[in-house]
Amino acid sequence: KHSKEFITLSKAVNNLRVQAEMHMRKNRSYERINNPRKISESWLRLKDEYHNSTKDTMKTTNGSEESNRIDLANWEFDLMLVPEKVKFYMVATIFMSFSLEKRFNISLKCFSQFMLELENSMKVHNVVYHNFDHACDVLQTTYVFLSTMHGAKLLDSVDIFALLTASICHDLEHPGLNNAFQIKSAANLAILYNDRSVLENHHCARAFQIIRQERSNIVKNLPEHEYNDFRKIMVEAILSTDMTYHFSLYQDASELLLRYPGISSGFYDRRKSHPENRKSFLGGVEDRKDESVRSRAGDLESIGLSGGERL
């Protein structure tokens, strides 16, 4: 039998909950996020915000424009020119380029929370290289691959969604020490994953732990068969970043280009696409994106020590 004080407290808590819900329903941000007609408008504002925020960086000291350095679809893109607060807009713009927010009904609130969880997870070990800037840079590199090789003609929307998500999650909560160290030191992660693709398994597991949270579940509106495809592709993409698989993935991707030389120019009949071809393409992109980031950045002297540290 509950005491009088307990009953009084319960009623007070319930009243507060009801008042909070009523306040949320009246709040403009709540309506903007939950009104389907305004979801696209919210995302478009992010895209505009990114372009507006990077206008100032297009001007060099002599007044000429260096638009390539902030063009998301260009190899010369320089993440160091993107203001810290604008990186979220940049990520959202890349996802919007393939209309993923519409195709999979992703609310801006959910996507924002997902990105916040990722950023916080990347700060756990405070490492120099495998940080949130590196994740954004790799995402942009993947976007260039998909754009220049006309990936949308070869891949389904769920393929692209999974690949972009894998790109920004591929080093999630990286401890700063490689697989060899984890295994030789019998670290907890090595024990957990039986010495096989230790860090890659960890990155992938952390990503799905975040995705499984209701507030950051960007795939909650996918039907079961599409979610299964999404998970399979994302797992394979992240695990393929283990350099142990580099040569086999490189060979598969090279053979794909030999069989279909028109892929790199966008001349490819989507109707002739085969799951194994898409798998080879996905594996090749995921395998090369990290190396491409490093080769693009060059040595520390060419980008400056601070740039090297941030990446």
C-alpha atoms as a PDB file:
ATOM      1  CA  LYS A   1       0.000   0.000   0.000  1.00  0.00           C
ATOM      2  CA  HIS A   2       1.543   3.290  -1.136  1.00  0.00           C
ATOM      3  CA  SER A   3       1.986   6.156   1.271  1.00  0.00           C
ATOM      4  CA  LYS A   4       0.164   9.440   0.850  1.00  0.00           C
ATOM      5  CA  GLU A   5       3.453  11.206   0.022  1.00  0.00           C
ATOM      6  CA  PHE A   6       4.241   8.660  -2.728  1.00  0.00           C
ATOM      7  CA  ILE A   7       0.799   9.097  -4.345  1.00  0.00           C
ATOM      8  CA  THR A   8       1.133  12.891  -4.223  1.00  0.00           C
ATOM      9  CA  LEU A   9       4.594  12.742  -5.807  1.00  0.00           C
ATOM     10  CA  SER A  10       3.397  10.375  -8.546  1.00  0.00           C
ATOM     11  CA  LYS A  11       0.557  12.732  -9.453  1.00  0.00           C
ATOM     12  CA  ALA A  12       2.945  15.676  -9.588  1.00  0.00           C
ATOM     13  CA  VAL A  13       5.369  13.812 -11.873  1.00  0.00           C
ATOM     14  CA  ASN A  14       2.528  12.747 -14.156  1.00  0.00           C
ATOM     15  CA  ASN A  15       1.235  16.322 -14.364  1.00  0.00           C
ATOM     16  CA  LEU A  16       4.699  17.554 -15.317  1.00  0.00           C
ATOM     17  CA  ARG A  17       4.925  14.895 -18.025  1.00  0.00           C
ATOM     18  CA  VAL A  18       1.554  15.913 -19.487  1.00  0.00           C
ATOM     19  CA  GLN A  19       2.519  19.597 -19.432  1.00  0.00           C
ATOM     20  CA  ALA A  20       5.830  18.849 -21.132  1.00  0.00           C
ATOM     21  CA  GLU A  21       4.127  16.884 -23.911  1.00  0.00           C
ATOM     22  CA  MET A  22       1.614  19.683 -24.482  1.00  0.00           C
ATOM     23  CA  HIS A  23       4.431  22.219 -24.627  1.00  0.00           C
ATOM     24  CA  MET A  24       6.315  20.132 -27.191  1.00  0.00           C
ATOM     25  CA  ARG A  25       3.277  19.823 -29.423  1.00  0.00           C
ATOM     26  CA  LYS A  26       2.889  23.594 -29.442  1.00  0.00           C
ATOM     27  CA  ASN A  27       6.562  24.194 -30.031  1.00  0.00           C
ATOM     28  CA  ARG A  28       7.511  25.160 -33.581  1.00  0.00           C
ATOM     29  CA  SER A  29      10.573  22.930 -33.668  1.00  0.00           C
ATOM     30  CA  TYR A  30       8.435  19.934 -32.737  1.00  0.00           C
ATOM     31  CA  GLU A  31       6.015  20.692 -35.552  1.00  0.00           C
ATOM     32  CA  ARG A  32       8.839  21.272 -38.027  1.00  0.00           C
ATOM     33  CA  ILE A  33      10.432  17.921 -37.257  1.00  0.00           C
ATOM     34  CA  ASN A  34       7.251  15.858 -37.177  1.00  0.00           C
ATOM     35  CA  ASN A  35       5.315  17.445 -40.018  1.00  0.00           C
ATOM     36  CA  PRO A  36       6.177  15.405 -43.156  1.00  0.00           C
ATOM     37  CA  ARG A  37       5.603  18.415 -45.407  1.00  0.00           C
ATOM     38  CA  LYS A  38       8.303  20.354 -43.595  1.00  0.00           C
ATOM     39  CA  ILE A  39      10.974  17.671 -43.263  1.00  0.00           C
ATOM     40  CA  SER A  40      12.405  18.527 -46.692  1.00  0.00           C
ATOM     41  CA  GLU A  41      12.351  22.245 -45.885  1.00  0.00           C
ATOM     42  CA  SER A  42      14.392  21.642 -42.734  1.00  0.00           C
ATOM     43  CA  TRP A  43      16.994  19.633 -44.634  1.00  0.00           C
ATOM     44  CA  LEU A  44      17.166  22.218 -47.420  1.00  0.00           C
ATOM     45  CA  ARG A  45      17.914  24.914 -44.871  1.00  0.00           C
ATOM     46  CA  LEU A  46      20.923  22.877 -43.758  1.00  0.00           C
ATOM     47  CA  LYS A  47      22.162  22.659 -47.333  1.00  0.00           C
ATOM     48  CA  ASP A  48      21.775  26.420 -47.766  1.00  0.00           C
ATOM     49  CA  GLU A  49      23.550  26.971 -44.460  1.00  0.00           C
ATOM     50  CA  TYR A  50      26.554  24.964 -45.645  1.00  0.00           C
ATOM     51  CA  HIS A  51      26.893  26.904 -48.897  1.00  0.00           C
ATOM     52  CA  ASN A  52      26.371  30.265 -47.188  1.00  0.00           C
ATOM     53  CA  SER A  53      28.884  29.462 -44.449  1.00  0.00           C
ATOM     54  CA  THR A  54      31.630  28.506 -46.911  1.00  0.00           C
ATOM     55  CA  LYS A  55      31.291  31.507 -49.222  1.00  0.00           C
ATOM     56  CA  ASP A  56      33.905  33.497 -47.332  1.00  0.00           C
ATOM     57  CA  THR A  57      36.498  30.753 -47.725  1.00  0.00           C
ATOM     58  CA  MET A  58      36.251  30.948 -51.540  1.00  0.00           C
ATOM     59  CA  LYS A  59      38.192  34.211 -51.602  1.00  0.00           C
ATOM     60  CA  THR A  60      41.988  34.065 -51.529  1.00  0.00           C
ATOM     61  CA  THR A  61      44.286  36.957 -50.704  1.00  0.00           C
ATOM     62  CA  ASN A  62      44.407  38.043 -54.347  1.00  0.00           C
ATOM     63  CA  GLY A  63      40.641  37.953 -54.655  1.00  0.00           C
ATOM     64  CA  SER A  64      40.404  34.919 -56.934  1.00  0.00           C
ATOM     65  CA  GLU A  65      37.998  32.081 -56.224  1.00  0.00           C
ATOM     66  CA  GLU A  66      39.102  28.597 -55.190  1.00  0.00           C
ATOM     67  CA  SER A  67      35.706  26.956 -55.348  1.00  0.00           C
ATOM     68  CA  ASN A  68      37.269  23.520 -55.878  1.00  0.00           C
ATOM     69  CA  ARG A  69      38.559  23.563 -52.317  1.00  0.00           C
ATOM     70  CA  ILE A  70      35.046  23.633 -50.877  1.00  0.00           C
ATOM     71  CA  ASP A  71      33.343  21.701 -53.674  1.00  0.00           C
ATOM     72  CA  LEU A  72      32.207  18.468 -52.041  1.00  0.00           C
ATOM     73  CA  ALA A  73      32.437  16.557 -55.331  1.00  0.00           C
ATOM     74  CA  ASN A  74      36.027  17.617 -56.044  1.00  0.00           C
ATOM     75  CA  TRP A  75      39.283  15.838 -55.170  1.00  0.00           C
ATOM     76  CA  GLU A  76      40.796  19.200 -54.196  1.00  0.00           C
ATOM     77  CA  PHE A  77      38.269  19.662 -51.391  1.00  0.00           C
ATOM     78  CA  ASP A  78      39.984  20.918 -48.228  1.00  0.00           C
ATOM     79  CA  LEU A  79      38.218  20.096 -44.967  1.00  0.00           C
ATOM     80  CA  MET A  80      40.430  22.610 -43.164  1.00  0.00           C
ATOM     81  CA  LEU A  81      38.479  25.394 -44.871  1.00  0.00           C
ATOM     82  CA  VAL A  82      35.164  24.201 -43.446  1.00  0.00           C
ATOM     83  CA  PRO A  83      34.327  25.925 -40.137  1.00  0.00           C
ATOM     84  CA  GLU A  84      33.886  23.541 -37.224  1.00  0.00           C
ATOM     85  CA  LYS A  85      30.218  24.359 -36.727  1.00  0.00           C
ATOM     86  CA  VAL A  86      29.505  23.789 -40.427  1.00  0.00           C
ATOM     87  CA  LYS A  87      30.764  20.192 -40.637  1.00  0.00           C
ATOM     88  CA  PHE A  88      27.339  18.851 -39.687  1.00  0.00           C
ATOM     89  CA  TYR A  89      25.792  20.834 -42.549  1.00  0.00           C
ATOM     90  CA  MET A  90      28.448  19.361 -44.841  1.00  0.00           C
ATOM     91  CA  VAL A  91      27.565  15.788 -43.861  1.00  0.00           C
ATOM     92  CA  ALA A  92      23.846  16.463 -44.260  1.00  0.00           C
ATOM     93  CA  THR A  93      24.447  17.982 -47.704  1.00  0.00           C
ATOM     94  CA  ILE A  94      26.215  14.811 -48.874  1.00  0.00           C
ATOM     95  CA  PHE A  95      23.339  12.608 -47.715  1.00  0.00           C
ATOM     96  CA  MET A  96      20.874  14.990 -49.368  1.00  0.00           C
ATOM     97  CA  SER A  97      22.730  14.757 -52.683  1.00  0.00           C
ATOM     98  CA  PHE A  98      21.222  11.296 -53.090  1.00  0.00           C
ATOM     99  CA  SER A  99      17.834  12.305 -51.572  1.00  0.00           C
ATOM    100  CA  LEU A 100      18.370   9.770 -48.789  1.00  0.00           C
ATOM    101  CA  GLU A 101      16.397  11.820 -46.250  1.00  0.00           C
ATOM    102  CA  LYS A 102      13.332  11.584 -48.517  1.00  0.00           C
ATOM    103  CA  ARG A 103      13.850   8.015 -49.678  1.00  0.00           C
ATOM    104  CA  PHE A 104      14.180   6.651 -46.133  1.00  0.00           C
ATOM    105  CA  ASN A 105      12.080   9.244 -44.289  1.00  0.00           C
ATOM    106  CA  ILE A 106      14.871  10.376 -41.951  1.00  0.00           C
ATOM    107  CA  SER A 107      13.842  13.194 -39.645  1.00  0.00           C
ATOM    108  CA  LEU A 108      16.325  15.991 -39.102  1.00  0.00           C
ATOM    109  CA  LYS A 109      16.025  15.546 -35.347  1.00  0.00           C
ATOM    110  CA  CYS A 110      17.012  11.878 -35.570  1.00  0.00           C
ATOM    111  CA  PHE A 111      19.887  12.556 -37.976  1.00  0.00           C
ATOM    112  CA  SER A 112      21.176  15.364 -35.760  1.00  0.00           C
ATOM    113  CA  GLN A 113      21.175  13.080 -32.727  1.00  0.00           C
ATOM    114  CA  PHE A 114      22.921  10.362 -34.731  1.00  0.00           C
ATOM    115  CA  MET A 115      25.682  12.781 -35.715  1.00  0.00           C
ATOM    116  CA  LEU A 116      26.022  14.035 -32.146  1.00  0.00           C
ATOM    117  CA  GLU A 117      26.434  10.469 -30.878  1.00  0.00           C
ATOM    118  CA  LEU A 118      29.097   9.798 -33.522  1.00  0.00           C
ATOM    119  CA  GLU A 119      31.026  12.945 -32.689  1.00  0.00           C
ATOM    120  CA  ASN A 120      30.979  12.174 -28.965  1.00  0.00           C
ATOM    121  CA  SER A 121      32.090   8.602 -29.624  1.00  0.00           C
ATOM    122  CA  MET A 122      35.044   9.852 -31.667  1.00  0.00           C
ATOM    123  CA  LYS A 123      36.212  11.877 -28.666  1.00  0.00           C
ATOM    124  CA  VAL A 124      36.359   8.943 -26.234  1.00  0.00           C
ATOM    125  CA  HIS A 125      40.082   8.260 -26.705  1.00  0.00           C
ATOM    126  CA  ASN A 126      41.068  11.769 -27.843  1.00  0.00           C
ATOM    127  CA  VAL A 127      43.328  10.412 -30.606  1.00  0.00           C
ATOM    128  CA  VAL A 128      45.188  12.655 -33.040  1.00  0.00           C
ATOM    129  CA  TYR A 129      44.324  11.082 -36.394  1.00  0.00           C
ATOM    130  CA  HIS A 130      41.191   8.946 -36.094  1.00  0.00           C
ATOM    131  CA  ASN A 131      38.890  11.765 -35.020  1.00  0.00           C
ATOM    132  CA  PHE A 132      35.663  13.327 -36.278  1.00  0.00           C
ATOM    133  CA  ASP A 133      37.508  15.416 -38.868  1.00  0.00           C
ATOM    134  CA  HIS A 134      38.968  12.237 -40.337  1.00  0.00           C
ATOM    135  CA  ALA A 135      35.495  10.675 -40.465  1.00  0.00           C
ATOM    136  CA  CYS A 136      34.131  13.705 -42.348  1.00  0.00           C
ATOM    137  CA  ASP A 137      37.077  13.688 -44.741  1.00  0.00           C
ATOM    138  CA  VAL A 138      36.601  10.003 -45.552  1.00  0.00           C
ATOM    139  CA  LEU A 139      32.873  10.567 -46.070  1.00  0.00           C
ATOM    140  CA  GLN A 140      33.636  13.323 -48.572  1.00  0.00           C
ATOM    141  CA  THR A 141      36.151  11.069 -50.353  1.00  0.00           C
ATOM    142  CA  THR A 142      33.503   8.364 -50.664  1.00  0.00           C
ATOM    143  CA  TYR A 143      31.136  10.969 -52.069  1.00  0.00           C
ATOM    144  CA  VAL A 144      33.718  11.879 -54.721  1.00  0.00           C
ATOM    145  CA  PHE A 145      34.077   8.209 -55.674  1.00  0.00           C
ATOM    146  CA  LEU A 146      30.315   7.852 -56.007  1.00  0.00           C
ATOM    147  CA  SER A 147      30.004  11.090 -57.979  1.00  0.00           C
ATOM    148  CA  THR A 148      32.909  10.660 -60.388  1.00  0.00           C
ATOM    149  CA  MET A 149      32.177   6.973 -61.006  1.00  0.00           C
ATOM    150  CA  HIS A 150      28.420   7.572 -61.238  1.00  0.00           C
ATOM    151  CA  GLY A 151      27.749   5.190 -58.367  1.00  0.00           C
ATOM    152  CA  ALA A 152      24.047   5.977 -58.384  1.00  0.00           C
ATOM    153  CA  LYS A 153      23.780   4.200 -61.743  1.00  0.00           C
ATOM    154  CA  LEU A 154      25.295   1.025 -60.354  1.00  0.00           C
ATOM    155  CA  LEU A 155      24.042   1.049 -56.776  1.00  0.00           C
ATOM    156  CA  ASP A 156      20.624   1.068 -55.122  1.00  0.00           C
ATOM    157  CA  SER A 157      19.671   3.838 -52.709  1.00  0.00           C
ATOM    158  CA  VAL A 158      20.117   1.466 -49.783  1.00  0.00           C
ATOM    159  CA  ASP A 159      23.636   0.626 -51.054  1.00  0.00           C
ATOM    160  CA  ILE A 160      24.569   4.303 -51.092  1.00  0.00           C
ATOM    161  CA  PHE A 161      22.931   4.936 -47.712  1.00  0.00           C
ATOM    162  CA  ALA A 162      24.875   2.065 -46.141  1.00  0.00           C
ATOM    163  CA  LEU A 163      28.159   3.038 -47.805  1.00  0.00           C
ATOM    164  CA  LEU A 164      27.994   6.684 -46.719  1.00  0.00           C
ATOM    165  CA  THR A 165      27.031   5.669 -43.186  1.00  0.00           C
ATOM    166  CA  ALA A 166      29.873   3.140 -43.098  1.00  0.00           C
ATOM    167  CA  SER A 167      32.298   5.815 -44.281  1.00  0.00           C
ATOM    168  CA  ILE A 168      31.586   8.145 -41.399  1.00  0.00           C
ATOM    169  CA  CYS A 169      31.480   5.269 -38.886  1.00  0.00           C
ATOM    170  CA  HIS A 170      34.453   3.224 -40.112  1.00  0.00           C
ATOM    171  CA  ASP A 171      36.852   4.382 -37.350  1.00  0.00           C
ATOM    172  CA  LEU A 172      34.292   4.917 -34.610  1.00  0.00           C
ATOM    173  CA  GLU A 173      35.815   5.026 -31.119  1.00  0.00           C
ATOM    174  CA  HIS A 174      39.291   4.202 -32.449  1.00  0.00           C
ATOM    175  CA  PRO A 175      41.762   3.717 -29.546  1.00  0.00           C
ATOM    176  CA  GLY A 176      44.721   4.984 -31.582  1.00  0.00           C
ATOM    177  CA  LEU A 177      46.602   1.663 -31.652  1.00  0.00           C
ATOM    178  CA  ASN A 178      46.332  -0.827 -34.498  1.00  0.00           C
ATOM    179  CA  ASN A 179      45.162  -4.439 -34.693  1.00  0.00           C
ATOM    180  CA  ALA A 180      48.668  -5.836 -34.284  1.00  0.00           C
ATOM    181  CA  PHE A 181      49.048  -4.025 -30.966  1.00  0.00           C
ATOM    182  CA  GLN A 182      45.613  -5.142 -29.777  1.00  0.00           C
ATOM    183  CA  ILE A 183      46.440  -8.775 -30.537  1.00  0.00           C
ATOM    184  CA  LYS A 184      50.005  -8.818 -29.178  1.00  0.00           C
ATOM    185  CA  SER A 185      48.963  -7.107 -25.954  1.00  0.00           C
ATOM    186  CA  ALA A 186      45.929  -9.394 -25.563  1.00  0.00           C
ATOM    187  CA  ALA A 187      43.757  -6.298 -25.243  1.00  0.00           C
ATOM    188  CA  ASN A 188      40.101  -6.676 -24.302  1.00  0.00           C
ATOM    189  CA  LEU A 189      38.993  -5.943 -27.863  1.00  0.00           C
ATOM    190  CA  ALA A 190      41.277  -8.659 -29.245  1.00  0.00           C
ATOM    191  CA  ILE A 191      39.841 -11.160 -26.781  1.00  0.00           C
ATOM    192  CA  LEU A 192      36.299 -10.071 -27.614  1.00  0.00           C
ATOM    193  CA  TYR A 193      36.764 -10.432 -31.382  1.00  0.00           C
ATOM    194  CA  ASN A 194      39.116 -13.441 -31.371  1.00  0.00           C
ATOM    195  CA  ASP A 195      42.035 -11.578 -32.981  1.00  0.00           C
ATOM    196  CA  ARG A 196      40.132 -11.110 -36.262  1.00  0.00           C
ATOM    197  CA  SER A 197      39.663  -7.610 -37.675  1.00  0.00           C
ATOM    198  CA  VAL A 198      39.628  -6.449 -34.077  1.00  0.00           C
ATOM    199  CA  LEU A 199      39.209  -2.700 -34.531  1.00  0.00           C
ATOM    200  CA  GLU A 200      36.976  -2.990 -37.574  1.00  0.00           C
ATOM    201  CA  ASN A 201      34.584  -5.235 -35.652  1.00  0.00           C
ATOM    202  CA  HIS A 202      34.611  -2.745 -32.796  1.00  0.00           C
ATOM    203  CA  HIS A 203      33.893   0.245 -35.060  1.00  0.00           C
ATOM    204  CA  CYS A 204      30.986  -1.591 -36.659  1.00  0.00           C
ATOM    205  CA  ALA A 205      29.534  -2.800 -33.369  1.00  0.00           C
ATOM    206  CA  ARG A 206      29.652   0.717 -31.881  1.00  0.00           C
ATOM    207  CA  ALA A 207      27.951   2.124 -34.966  1.00  0.00           C
ATOM    208  CA  PHE A 208      25.017  -0.245 -34.638  1.00  0.00           C
ATOM    209  CA  GLN A 209      24.798   0.312 -30.895  1.00  0.00           C
ATOM    210  CA  ILE A 210      24.200   3.973 -31.705  1.00  0.00           C
ATOM    211  CA  ILE A 211      21.789   3.169 -34.530  1.00  0.00           C
ATOM    212  CA  ARG A 212      19.769   0.854 -32.277  1.00  0.00           C
ATOM    213  CA  GLN A 213      18.981   3.744 -29.917  1.00  0.00           C
ATOM    214  CA  GLU A 214      15.527   5.100 -30.692  1.00  0.00           C
ATOM    215  CA  ARG A 215      16.606   8.742 -30.706  1.00  0.00           C
ATOM    216  CA  SER A 216      19.444   8.143 -33.188  1.00  0.00           C
ATOM    217  CA  ASN A 217      17.954   5.308 -35.245  1.00  0.00           C
ATOM    218  CA  ILE A 218      18.297   6.668 -38.771  1.00  0.00           C
ATOM    219  CA  VAL A 219      17.089   3.372 -40.280  1.00  0.00           C
ATOM    220  CA  LYS A 220      13.944   2.914 -38.201  1.00  0.00           C
ATOM    221  CA  ASN A 221      11.663   3.584 -41.181  1.00  0.00           C
ATOM    222  CA  LEU A 222      13.288   1.006 -43.438  1.00  0.00           C
ATOM    223  CA  PRO A 223      11.248  -2.134 -44.146  1.00  0.00           C
ATOM    224  CA  GLU A 224      12.845  -5.328 -42.851  1.00  0.00           C
ATOM    225  CA  HIS A 225      14.343  -6.462 -46.165  1.00  0.00           C
ATOM    226  CA  GLU A 226      15.987  -3.074 -46.766  1.00  0.00           C
ATOM    227  CA  TYR A 227      17.319  -2.920 -43.219  1.00  0.00           C
ATOM    228  CA  ASN A 228      18.830  -6.382 -43.669  1.00  0.00           C
ATOM    229  CA  ASP A 229      20.534  -5.199 -46.863  1.00  0.00           C
ATOM    230  CA  PHE A 230      21.685  -1.999 -45.157  1.00  0.00           C
ATOM    231  CA  ARG A 231      23.227  -3.877 -42.247  1.00  0.00           C
ATOM    232  CA  LYS A 232      24.912  -6.471 -44.456  1.00  0.00           C
ATOM    233  CA  ILE A 233      26.465  -3.829 -46.703  1.00  0.00           C
ATOM    234  CA  MET A 234      27.570  -1.615 -43.829  1.00  0.00           C
ATOM    235  CA  VAL A 235      29.169  -4.517 -41.935  1.00  0.00           C
ATOM    236  CA  GLU A 236      31.023  -5.706 -45.033  1.00  0.00           C
ATOM    237  CA  ALA A 237      32.102  -2.164 -45.888  1.00  0.00           C
ATOM    238  CA  ILE A 238      33.588  -1.447 -42.465  1.00  0.00           C
ATOM    239  CA  LEU A 239      35.244  -4.862 -42.132  1.00  0.00           C
ATOM    240  CA  SER A 240      36.782  -4.386 -45.583  1.00  0.00           C
ATOM    241  CA  THR A 241      38.866  -1.496 -44.210  1.00  0.00           C
ATOM    242  CA  ASP A 242      41.062  -4.117 -42.530  1.00  0.00           C
ATOM    243  CA  MET A 243      44.218  -3.979 -44.667  1.00  0.00           C
ATOM    244  CA  THR A 244      44.357  -7.775 -44.514  1.00  0.00           C
ATOM    245  CA  TYR A 245      41.735  -7.779 -47.268  1.00  0.00           C
ATOM    246  CA  HIS A 246      43.255  -4.995 -49.347  1.00  0.00           C
ATOM    247  CA  PHE A 247      44.729  -7.042 -52.187  1.00  0.00           C
ATOM    248  CA  SER A 248      41.700  -9.271 -52.713  1.00  0.00           C
ATOM    249  CA  LEU A 249      39.369  -6.243 -52.758  1.00  0.00           C
ATOM    250  CA  TYR A 250      41.673  -4.384 -55.106  1.00  0.00           C
ATOM    251  CA  GLN A 251      41.725  -7.356 -57.458  1.00  0.00           C
ATOM    252  CA  ASP A 252      37.922  -7.689 -57.418  1.00  0.00           C
ATOM    253  CA  ALA A 253      37.454  -3.989 -58.174  1.00  0.00           C
ATOM    254  CA  SER A 254      40.066  -4.085 -60.949  1.00  0.00           C
ATOM    255  CA  GLU A 255      38.372  -7.057 -62.592  1.00  0.00           C
ATOM    256  CA  LEU A 256      35.036  -5.233 -62.407  1.00  0.00           C
ATOM    257  CA  LEU A 257      36.506  -2.253 -64.265  1.00  0.00           C
ATOM    258  CA  LEU A 258      37.955  -4.569 -66.905  1.00  0.00           C
ATOM    259  CA  ARG A 259      34.592  -6.263 -67.448  1.00  0.00           C
ATOM    260  CA  TYR A 260      32.683  -2.978 -67.488  1.00  0.00           C
ATOM    261  CA  PRO A 261      35.095  -0.224 -68.619  1.00  0.00           C
ATOM    262  CA  GLY A 262      32.198   2.196 -69.008  1.00  0.00           C
ATOM    263  CA  ILE A 263      31.556   2.361 -65.251  1.00  0.00           C
ATOM    264  CA  SER A 264      34.098   5.110 -64.645  1.00  0.00           C
ATOM    265  CA  SER A 265      32.386   7.246 -67.308  1.00  0.00           C
ATOM    266  CA  GLY A 266      28.854   6.469 -66.202  1.00  0.00           C
ATOM    267  CA  PHE A 267      28.023   4.222 -69.155  1.00  0.00           C
ATOM    268  CA  TYR A 268      26.544   1.226 -67.418  1.00  0.00           C
ATOM    269  CA  ASP A 269      23.215  -0.500 -67.856  1.00  0.00           C
ATOM    270  CA  ARG A 270      21.683  -0.681 -64.368  1.00  0.00           C
ATOM    271  CA  ARG A 271      19.456  -3.541 -65.522  1.00  0.00           C
ATOM    272  CA  LYS A 272      22.532  -5.718 -66.035  1.00  0.00           C
ATOM    273  CA  SER A 273      23.752  -5.093 -62.504  1.00  0.00           C
ATOM    274  CA  HIS A 274      24.499  -8.176 -60.454  1.00  0.00           C
ATOM    275  CA  PRO A 275      24.740  -8.305 -56.634  1.00  0.00           C
ATOM    276  CA  GLU A 276      28.346  -9.522 -56.881  1.00  0.00           C
ATOM    277  CA  ASN A 277      29.227  -6.577 -59.128  1.00  0.00           C
ATOM    278  CA  ARG A 278      27.767  -4.130 -56.646  1.00  0.00           C
ATOM    279  CA  LYS A 279      29.611  -5.899 -53.840  1.00  0.00           C
ATOM    280  CA  SER A 280      32.917  -5.556 -55.711  1.00  0.00           C
ATOM    281  CA  PHE A 281      32.234  -1.877 -56.373  1.00  0.00           C
ATOM    282  CA  LEU A 282      31.323  -1.217 -52.747  1.00  0.00           C
ATOM    283  CA  GLY A 283      34.349  -3.116 -51.483  1.00  0.00           C
ATOM    284  CA  GLY A 284      36.658  -1.274 -53.847  1.00  0.00           C
ATOM    285  CA  VAL A 285      35.365   2.142 -52.807  1.00  0.00           C
ATOM    286  CA  GLU A 286      35.547   1.365 -49.104  1.00  0.00           C
ATOM    287  CA  ASP A 287      39.028  -0.117 -49.450  1.00  0.00           C
ATOM    288  CA  ARG A 288      40.492   2.876 -51.304  1.00  0.00           C
ATOM    289  CA  LYS A 289      38.836   5.799 -49.533  1.00  0.00           C
ATOM    290  CA  ASP A 290      41.186   5.809 -46.521  1.00  0.00           C
ATOM    291  CA  GLU A 291      44.271   5.580 -48.734  1.00  0.00           C
ATOM    292  CA  SER A 292      42.887   8.333 -50.956  1.00  0.00           C
ATOM    293  CA  VAL A 293      42.510  10.673 -47.986  1.00  0.00           C
ATOM    294  CA  ARG A 294      46.124  10.109 -46.965  1.00  0.00           C
ATOM    295  CA  SER A 295      47.528  10.474 -50.484  1.00  0.00           C
ATOM    296  CA  ARG A 296      45.464  13.606 -51.093  1.00  0.00           C
ATOM    297  CA  ALA A 297      46.683  15.222 -47.898  1.00  0.00           C
ATOM    298  CA  GLY A 298      50.344  14.539 -48.690  1.00  0.00           C
ATOM    299  CA  ASP A 299      53.023  15.064 -46.084  1.00  0.00           C
ATOM    300  CA  LEU A 300      52.758  17.360 -43.090  1.00  0.00           C
ATOM    301  CA  GLU A 301      54.799  20.067 -44.786  1.00  0.00           C
ATOM    302  CA  SER A 302      52.269  20.396 -47.611  1.00  0.00           C
ATOM    303  CA  ILE A 303      49.211  20.762 -45.382  1.00  0.00           C
ATOM    304  CA  GLY A 304      50.723  22.198 -42.237  1.00  0.00           C
ATOM    305  CA  LEU A 305      51.206  20.449 -38.915  1.00  0.00           C
ATOM    306  CA  SER A 306      47.845  21.589 -37.543  1.00  0.00           C
ATOM    307  CA  GLY A 307      46.061  20.153 -40.566  1.00  0.00           C
ATOM    308  CA  GLY A 308      47.856  16.843 -40.185  1.00  0.00           C
ATOM    309  CA  GLU A 309      46.977  16.678 -36.517  1.00  0.00           C
ATOM    310  CA  ARG A 310      43.292  17.378 -37.107  1.00  0.00           C
ATOM    311  CA  LEU A 311      43.033  14.736 -39.836  1.00  0.00           C
END
